[in-house]
């Protein structure tokens, strides 16, 4: 059966962002839950991918950190305007999704996200160079 992680492991607890952490929206506190998911449903959805993420980051933490740094560098290298900027923003989401899916064991979906980023950038670059 399942067991909780050691409370000293930083991965043991889930965190939520504060309203001011979001780029868009107001800084008002979240309203209380109105239709909370059942614990059985939550565990059914989250336990296996959570286990994979913990096992992956227990043994591949450096590689995951490198992929995260590459994503972060991509985000900071974006131009401010134009079709390439828009494509890079969409691709940044694909890179974040690919890393998240990879870390949780959804390998096919991870590769699909990387393909989406590649195709988006090829199209944007073709449009940019053709005027």
N, C-alpha and C. Protein backbone atom coordinates (compact mmCIF):
# COMPACT_ATOMS: atom_id res chain seq x y z
N UNK A 1 0.82 -1.19 0.00
CA UNK A 1 0.00 0.00 0.00
C UNK A 1 0.86 1.25 0.00
N UNK A 2 0.22 2.38 -0.09
CA UNK A 2 0.93 3.64 -0.12
C UNK A 2 1.29 4.10 1.28
N UNK A 3 2.30 4.94 1.36
CA UNK A 3 2.68 5.54 2.64
C UNK A 3 3.16 6.97 2.37
N UNK A 4 3.00 7.86 3.34
CA UNK A 4 3.45 9.24 3.14
C UNK A 4 4.97 9.34 3.15
N UNK A 5 5.47 10.38 2.50
CA UNK A 5 6.90 10.65 2.56
C UNK A 5 7.28 11.16 3.94
N UNK A 6 8.55 11.06 4.23
CA UNK A 6 9.10 11.64 5.46
C UNK A 6 8.77 13.14 5.45
N UNK A 7 8.20 13.67 6.51
CA UNK A 7 7.84 15.10 6.54
C UNK A 7 9.04 16.03 6.31
N UNK A 8 10.27 15.54 6.51
CA UNK A 8 11.46 16.35 6.28
C UNK A 8 11.78 16.50 4.79
N UNK A 9 11.21 15.62 3.94
CA UNK A 9 11.40 15.68 2.50
C UNK A 9 10.56 16.84 1.95
N UNK A 10 11.19 17.80 1.28
CA UNK A 10 10.46 18.97 0.80
C UNK A 10 9.35 18.60 -0.19
N UNK A 11 9.39 17.41 -0.75
CA UNK A 11 8.36 16.98 -1.70
C UNK A 11 7.13 16.41 -1.01
N UNK A 12 7.16 16.32 0.31
CA UNK A 12 6.08 15.67 1.05
C UNK A 12 4.77 16.46 1.06
N UNK A 13 4.85 17.76 1.01
CA UNK A 13 3.64 18.58 1.09
C UNK A 13 3.40 19.35 -0.19
N UNK A 14 2.16 19.59 -0.49
CA UNK A 14 1.80 20.40 -1.65
C UNK A 14 1.68 21.85 -1.22
N UNK A 15 1.99 22.76 -2.14
CA UNK A 15 1.91 24.18 -1.87
C UNK A 15 0.96 24.83 -2.86
N UNK A 16 0.36 25.94 -2.46
CA UNK A 16 -0.46 26.71 -3.39
C UNK A 16 0.08 28.14 -3.43
N UNK A 17 -0.11 28.77 -4.58
CA UNK A 17 0.38 30.13 -4.77
C UNK A 17 -0.57 31.14 -4.14
N UNK A 18 -0.02 32.27 -3.76
CA UNK A 18 -0.81 33.38 -3.25
C UNK A 18 -1.39 34.15 -4.44
N UNK A 19 -2.50 34.86 -4.26
CA UNK A 19 -3.09 35.60 -5.38
C UNK A 19 -2.11 36.56 -6.06
N UNK A 20 -1.24 37.21 -5.30
CA UNK A 20 -0.30 38.17 -5.89
C UNK A 20 0.82 37.49 -6.69
N UNK A 21 0.91 36.16 -6.63
CA UNK A 21 1.92 35.43 -7.41
C UNK A 21 1.56 35.33 -8.89
N UNK A 22 0.31 35.62 -9.24
CA UNK A 22 -0.15 35.49 -10.62
C UNK A 22 0.04 36.80 -11.37
N UNK A 23 0.38 36.70 -12.65
CA UNK A 23 0.57 37.88 -13.48
C UNK A 23 -0.75 38.59 -13.74
N UNK A 24 -1.82 37.85 -13.89
CA UNK A 24 -3.13 38.42 -14.17
C UNK A 24 -4.08 38.13 -13.03
N UNK A 25 -5.03 39.01 -12.82
CA UNK A 25 -6.03 38.81 -11.78
C UNK A 25 -5.84 39.79 -10.64
N UNK A 26 -6.72 39.67 -9.67
CA UNK A 26 -6.63 40.58 -8.53
C UNK A 26 -5.86 39.91 -7.39
N UNK A 27 -5.64 40.68 -6.35
CA UNK A 27 -4.90 40.16 -5.20
C UNK A 27 -5.83 39.73 -4.07
N UNK A 28 -7.10 39.48 -4.40
CA UNK A 28 -8.07 39.04 -3.40
C UNK A 28 -7.81 37.59 -3.04
N UNK A 29 -8.03 37.22 -1.78
CA UNK A 29 -7.86 35.81 -1.39
C UNK A 29 -8.85 34.90 -2.13
N UNK A 30 -8.45 33.66 -2.33
CA UNK A 30 -9.34 32.69 -2.97
C UNK A 30 -10.56 32.44 -2.08
N UNK A 31 -11.67 32.19 -2.73
CA UNK A 31 -12.87 31.84 -1.97
C UNK A 31 -12.73 30.40 -1.45
N UNK A 32 -13.46 30.05 -0.41
CA UNK A 32 -13.38 28.68 0.10
C UNK A 32 -13.90 27.69 -0.94
N UNK A 33 -13.47 26.43 -0.89
CA UNK A 33 -13.94 25.42 -1.85
C UNK A 33 -15.47 25.28 -1.80
N UNK A 34 -16.06 25.09 -2.99
CA UNK A 34 -17.51 24.90 -3.07
C UNK A 34 -17.88 23.50 -3.56
N UNK A 35 -16.93 22.80 -4.16
CA UNK A 35 -17.19 21.45 -4.68
C UNK A 35 -15.90 20.64 -4.62
N UNK A 36 -15.45 20.36 -3.42
CA UNK A 36 -14.17 19.71 -3.19
C UNK A 36 -14.18 18.27 -3.72
N UNK A 37 -13.10 17.90 -4.40
CA UNK A 37 -12.94 16.54 -4.90
C UNK A 37 -12.84 15.58 -3.71
N UNK A 38 -13.31 14.35 -3.90
CA UNK A 38 -13.20 13.38 -2.81
C UNK A 38 -11.76 12.90 -2.67
N UNK A 39 -11.40 12.50 -1.48
CA UNK A 39 -10.04 12.03 -1.24
C UNK A 39 -9.73 10.79 -2.08
N UNK A 40 -10.69 9.88 -2.23
CA UNK A 40 -10.47 8.68 -3.04
C UNK A 40 -10.19 9.05 -4.50
N UNK A 41 -10.97 9.99 -5.04
CA UNK A 41 -10.75 10.40 -6.43
C UNK A 41 -9.40 11.08 -6.57
N UNK A 42 -9.09 12.00 -5.65
CA UNK A 42 -7.80 12.69 -5.68
C UNK A 42 -6.65 11.68 -5.66
N UNK A 43 -6.70 10.75 -4.73
CA UNK A 43 -5.63 9.75 -4.62
C UNK A 43 -5.56 8.87 -5.87
N UNK A 44 -6.71 8.53 -6.44
CA UNK A 44 -6.71 7.73 -7.65
C UNK A 44 -6.05 8.42 -8.82
N UNK A 45 -6.20 9.72 -8.90
CA UNK A 45 -5.60 10.49 -9.99
C UNK A 45 -4.14 10.81 -9.71
N UNK A 46 -3.80 11.13 -8.47
CA UNK A 46 -2.49 11.71 -8.15
C UNK A 46 -1.43 10.73 -7.66
N UNK A 47 -1.82 9.58 -7.12
CA UNK A 47 -0.83 8.72 -6.47
C UNK A 47 0.22 8.18 -7.43
N UNK A 48 -0.19 7.58 -8.53
CA UNK A 48 0.80 7.00 -9.45
C UNK A 48 1.71 8.05 -10.06
N UNK A 49 1.19 9.13 -10.68
CA UNK A 49 2.12 10.12 -11.23
C UNK A 49 2.95 10.80 -10.14
N UNK A 50 2.39 10.98 -8.95
CA UNK A 50 3.17 11.55 -7.86
C UNK A 50 4.33 10.63 -7.47
N UNK A 51 4.06 9.33 -7.42
CA UNK A 51 5.10 8.36 -7.11
C UNK A 51 6.20 8.40 -8.16
N UNK A 52 5.80 8.45 -9.43
CA UNK A 52 6.80 8.49 -10.52
C UNK A 52 7.64 9.76 -10.41
N UNK A 53 7.00 10.90 -10.13
CA UNK A 53 7.75 12.16 -9.99
C UNK A 53 8.75 12.10 -8.85
N UNK A 54 8.34 11.51 -7.73
CA UNK A 54 9.25 11.40 -6.59
C UNK A 54 10.42 10.48 -6.93
N UNK A 55 10.12 9.34 -7.56
CA UNK A 55 11.20 8.41 -7.92
C UNK A 55 12.13 9.02 -8.97
N UNK A 56 11.55 9.71 -9.94
CA UNK A 56 12.36 10.35 -10.99
C UNK A 56 13.28 11.39 -10.40
N UNK A 57 12.75 12.26 -9.55
CA UNK A 57 13.57 13.33 -8.99
C UNK A 57 14.51 12.83 -7.89
N UNK A 58 14.31 11.61 -7.43
CA UNK A 58 15.24 11.02 -6.47
C UNK A 58 16.52 10.56 -7.15
N UNK A 59 16.43 10.26 -8.45
CA UNK A 59 17.58 9.69 -9.15
C UNK A 59 17.99 10.46 -10.40
N UNK A 60 17.16 11.40 -10.85
CA UNK A 60 17.47 12.18 -12.05
C UNK A 60 17.34 13.68 -11.79
N UNK A 61 17.54 14.08 -10.55
CA UNK A 61 17.34 15.47 -10.16
C UNK A 61 18.19 16.45 -10.95
N UNK A 62 19.45 16.09 -11.23
CA UNK A 62 20.32 16.98 -11.98
C UNK A 62 19.82 17.17 -13.40
N UNK A 63 19.39 16.10 -14.04
CA UNK A 63 18.87 16.22 -15.41
C UNK A 63 17.58 17.03 -15.45
N UNK A 64 16.72 16.82 -14.48
CA UNK A 64 15.48 17.59 -14.42
C UNK A 64 15.82 19.07 -14.21
N UNK A 65 16.79 19.37 -13.35
CA UNK A 65 17.20 20.75 -13.11
C UNK A 65 17.76 21.39 -14.38
N UNK A 66 18.51 20.65 -15.17
CA UNK A 66 19.05 21.18 -16.43
C UNK A 66 17.91 21.52 -17.39
N UNK A 67 16.94 20.63 -17.51
CA UNK A 67 15.79 20.90 -18.38
C UNK A 67 15.01 22.11 -17.90
N UNK A 68 14.88 22.27 -16.59
CA UNK A 68 14.20 23.44 -16.03
C UNK A 68 14.97 24.72 -16.36
N UNK A 69 16.29 24.67 -16.23
CA UNK A 69 17.12 25.85 -16.54
C UNK A 69 17.03 26.20 -18.03
N UNK A 70 16.98 25.20 -18.89
CA UNK A 70 16.82 25.46 -20.32
C UNK A 70 15.47 26.14 -20.60
N UNK A 71 14.42 25.67 -19.95
CA UNK A 71 13.11 26.31 -20.11
C UNK A 71 13.18 27.76 -19.62
N UNK A 72 13.77 27.98 -18.48
CA UNK A 72 13.87 29.33 -17.91
C UNK A 72 14.67 30.25 -18.84
N UNK A 73 15.76 29.75 -19.39
CA UNK A 73 16.55 30.55 -20.34
C UNK A 73 15.76 30.90 -21.58
N UNK A 74 14.95 29.95 -22.06
CA UNK A 74 14.09 30.19 -23.22
C UNK A 74 13.12 31.34 -22.94
N UNK A 75 12.50 31.30 -21.76
CA UNK A 75 11.54 32.33 -21.38
C UNK A 75 12.20 33.71 -21.33
N UNK A 76 13.40 33.77 -20.79
CA UNK A 76 14.09 35.06 -20.66
C UNK A 76 14.69 35.56 -21.97
N UNK A 77 14.82 34.68 -22.97
CA UNK A 77 15.40 35.07 -24.26
C UNK A 77 14.36 35.56 -25.26
N UNK A 78 13.09 35.54 -24.90
CA UNK A 78 12.02 35.89 -25.84
C UNK A 78 12.07 37.36 -26.22
N UNK A 79 11.90 37.64 -27.52
CA UNK A 79 11.73 39.05 -27.92
C UNK A 79 10.37 39.54 -27.41
N UNK A 80 10.16 40.84 -27.43
CA UNK A 80 8.94 41.42 -26.87
C UNK A 80 7.75 41.37 -27.81
N UNK A 81 7.99 41.44 -29.10
CA UNK A 81 6.89 41.49 -30.06
C UNK A 81 7.21 40.66 -31.29
N UNK A 82 6.18 40.37 -32.07
CA UNK A 82 6.35 39.69 -33.34
C UNK A 82 5.93 38.24 -33.29
N UNK A 83 5.89 37.64 -34.46
CA UNK A 83 5.42 36.26 -34.57
C UNK A 83 6.36 35.29 -33.86
N UNK A 84 7.66 35.57 -33.90
CA UNK A 84 8.61 34.69 -33.20
C UNK A 84 8.39 34.77 -31.70
N UNK A 85 8.10 35.97 -31.18
CA UNK A 85 7.83 36.11 -29.75
C UNK A 85 6.59 35.31 -29.35
N UNK A 86 5.56 35.41 -30.17
CA UNK A 86 4.33 34.65 -29.87
C UNK A 86 4.59 33.15 -29.92
N UNK A 87 5.36 32.71 -30.92
CA UNK A 87 5.68 31.28 -31.04
C UNK A 87 6.55 30.81 -29.88
N UNK A 88 7.48 31.66 -29.46
CA UNK A 88 8.33 31.28 -28.33
C UNK A 88 7.52 31.17 -27.05
N UNK A 89 6.52 32.05 -26.89
CA UNK A 89 5.66 31.96 -25.70
C UNK A 89 4.88 30.64 -25.71
N UNK A 90 4.30 30.30 -26.86
CA UNK A 90 3.58 29.02 -26.96
C UNK A 90 4.53 27.85 -26.74
N UNK A 91 5.72 27.94 -27.31
CA UNK A 91 6.69 26.85 -27.16
C UNK A 91 7.17 26.73 -25.71
N UNK A 92 7.26 27.84 -25.00
CA UNK A 92 7.65 27.79 -23.58
C UNK A 92 6.63 26.96 -22.80
N UNK A 93 5.36 27.14 -23.12
CA UNK A 93 4.32 26.31 -22.47
C UNK A 93 4.51 24.84 -22.82
N UNK A 94 4.85 24.57 -24.09
CA UNK A 94 5.09 23.18 -24.51
C UNK A 94 6.30 22.60 -23.77
N UNK A 95 7.36 23.38 -23.60
CA UNK A 95 8.54 22.89 -22.89
C UNK A 95 8.22 22.61 -21.42
N UNK A 96 7.46 23.50 -20.79
CA UNK A 96 7.06 23.27 -19.39
C UNK A 96 6.20 22.02 -19.28
N UNK A 97 5.27 21.87 -20.22
CA UNK A 97 4.40 20.69 -20.24
C UNK A 97 5.22 19.42 -20.46
N UNK A 98 6.16 19.49 -21.38
CA UNK A 98 6.99 18.31 -21.67
C UNK A 98 7.78 17.88 -20.43
N UNK A 99 8.35 18.85 -19.72
CA UNK A 99 9.11 18.52 -18.52
C UNK A 99 8.20 17.94 -17.43
N UNK A 100 7.04 18.57 -17.23
CA UNK A 100 6.10 18.07 -16.23
C UNK A 100 5.66 16.65 -16.56
N UNK A 101 5.28 16.43 -17.80
CA UNK A 101 4.83 15.09 -18.21
C UNK A 101 5.94 14.06 -18.12
N UNK A 102 7.15 14.44 -18.52
CA UNK A 102 8.29 13.54 -18.43
C UNK A 102 8.54 13.13 -16.98
N UNK A 103 8.52 14.12 -16.10
CA UNK A 103 8.79 13.85 -14.69
C UNK A 103 7.74 12.95 -14.05
N UNK A 104 6.51 12.99 -14.59
CA UNK A 104 5.41 12.20 -14.03
C UNK A 104 5.15 10.89 -14.78
N UNK A 105 6.00 10.59 -15.76
CA UNK A 105 5.89 9.30 -16.45
C UNK A 105 5.01 9.29 -17.68
N UNK A 106 4.55 10.44 -18.12
CA UNK A 106 3.72 10.52 -19.33
C UNK A 106 4.63 10.82 -20.52
N UNK A 107 5.38 9.83 -20.95
CA UNK A 107 6.45 10.02 -21.93
C UNK A 107 5.92 10.35 -23.32
N UNK A 108 4.86 9.69 -23.77
CA UNK A 108 4.29 9.95 -25.09
C UNK A 108 3.79 11.40 -25.16
N UNK A 109 3.11 11.85 -24.12
CA UNK A 109 2.60 13.21 -24.10
C UNK A 109 3.75 14.23 -24.04
N UNK A 110 4.82 13.85 -23.36
CA UNK A 110 5.99 14.72 -23.30
C UNK A 110 6.60 14.91 -24.69
N UNK A 111 6.75 13.83 -25.41
CA UNK A 111 7.28 13.93 -26.78
C UNK A 111 6.34 14.71 -27.70
N UNK A 112 5.05 14.55 -27.51
CA UNK A 112 4.09 15.31 -28.32
C UNK A 112 4.21 16.80 -28.07
N UNK A 113 4.44 17.19 -26.83
CA UNK A 113 4.62 18.61 -26.51
C UNK A 113 5.90 19.15 -27.15
N UNK A 114 6.96 18.36 -27.14
CA UNK A 114 8.20 18.80 -27.80
C UNK A 114 8.01 18.94 -29.30
N UNK A 115 7.26 18.02 -29.90
CA UNK A 115 6.98 18.13 -31.32
C UNK A 115 6.17 19.39 -31.62
N UNK A 116 5.21 19.69 -30.78
CA UNK A 116 4.41 20.90 -30.95
C UNK A 116 5.30 22.15 -30.92
N UNK A 117 6.24 22.19 -29.98
CA UNK A 117 7.16 23.34 -29.89
C UNK A 117 8.00 23.46 -31.16
N UNK A 118 8.51 22.34 -31.63
CA UNK A 118 9.33 22.35 -32.85
C UNK A 118 8.52 22.84 -34.04
N UNK A 119 7.33 22.31 -34.22
CA UNK A 119 6.49 22.70 -35.36
C UNK A 119 6.09 24.18 -35.26
N UNK A 120 5.77 24.63 -34.07
CA UNK A 120 5.41 26.04 -33.88
C UNK A 120 6.56 26.96 -34.25
N UNK A 121 7.76 26.62 -33.80
CA UNK A 121 8.91 27.48 -34.09
C UNK A 121 9.29 27.42 -35.57
N UNK A 122 9.19 26.26 -36.20
CA UNK A 122 9.48 26.16 -37.64
C UNK A 122 8.54 27.06 -38.43
N UNK A 123 7.26 27.00 -38.10
CA UNK A 123 6.27 27.82 -38.81
C UNK A 123 6.54 29.31 -38.58
N UNK A 124 6.81 29.70 -37.35
CA UNK A 124 7.07 31.11 -37.05
C UNK A 124 8.32 31.60 -37.76
N UNK A 125 9.36 30.80 -37.74
CA UNK A 125 10.61 31.20 -38.42
C UNK A 125 10.42 31.28 -39.93
N UNK A 126 9.64 30.36 -40.49
CA UNK A 126 9.35 30.41 -41.93
C UNK A 126 8.57 31.68 -42.27
N UNK A 127 7.60 32.01 -41.45
CA UNK A 127 6.82 33.25 -41.67
C UNK A 127 7.72 34.48 -41.54
N UNK A 128 8.57 34.48 -40.54
CA UNK A 128 9.47 35.63 -40.32
C UNK A 128 10.45 35.82 -41.47
N UNK A 129 11.03 34.73 -41.94
CA UNK A 129 12.02 34.86 -43.01
C UNK A 129 11.39 35.13 -44.38
N UNK A 130 10.14 34.75 -44.55
CA UNK A 130 9.49 34.98 -45.85
C UNK A 130 8.80 36.35 -45.90
N UNK A 131 8.81 37.03 -44.76
CA UNK A 131 8.22 38.36 -44.73
C UNK A 131 6.73 38.33 -44.71
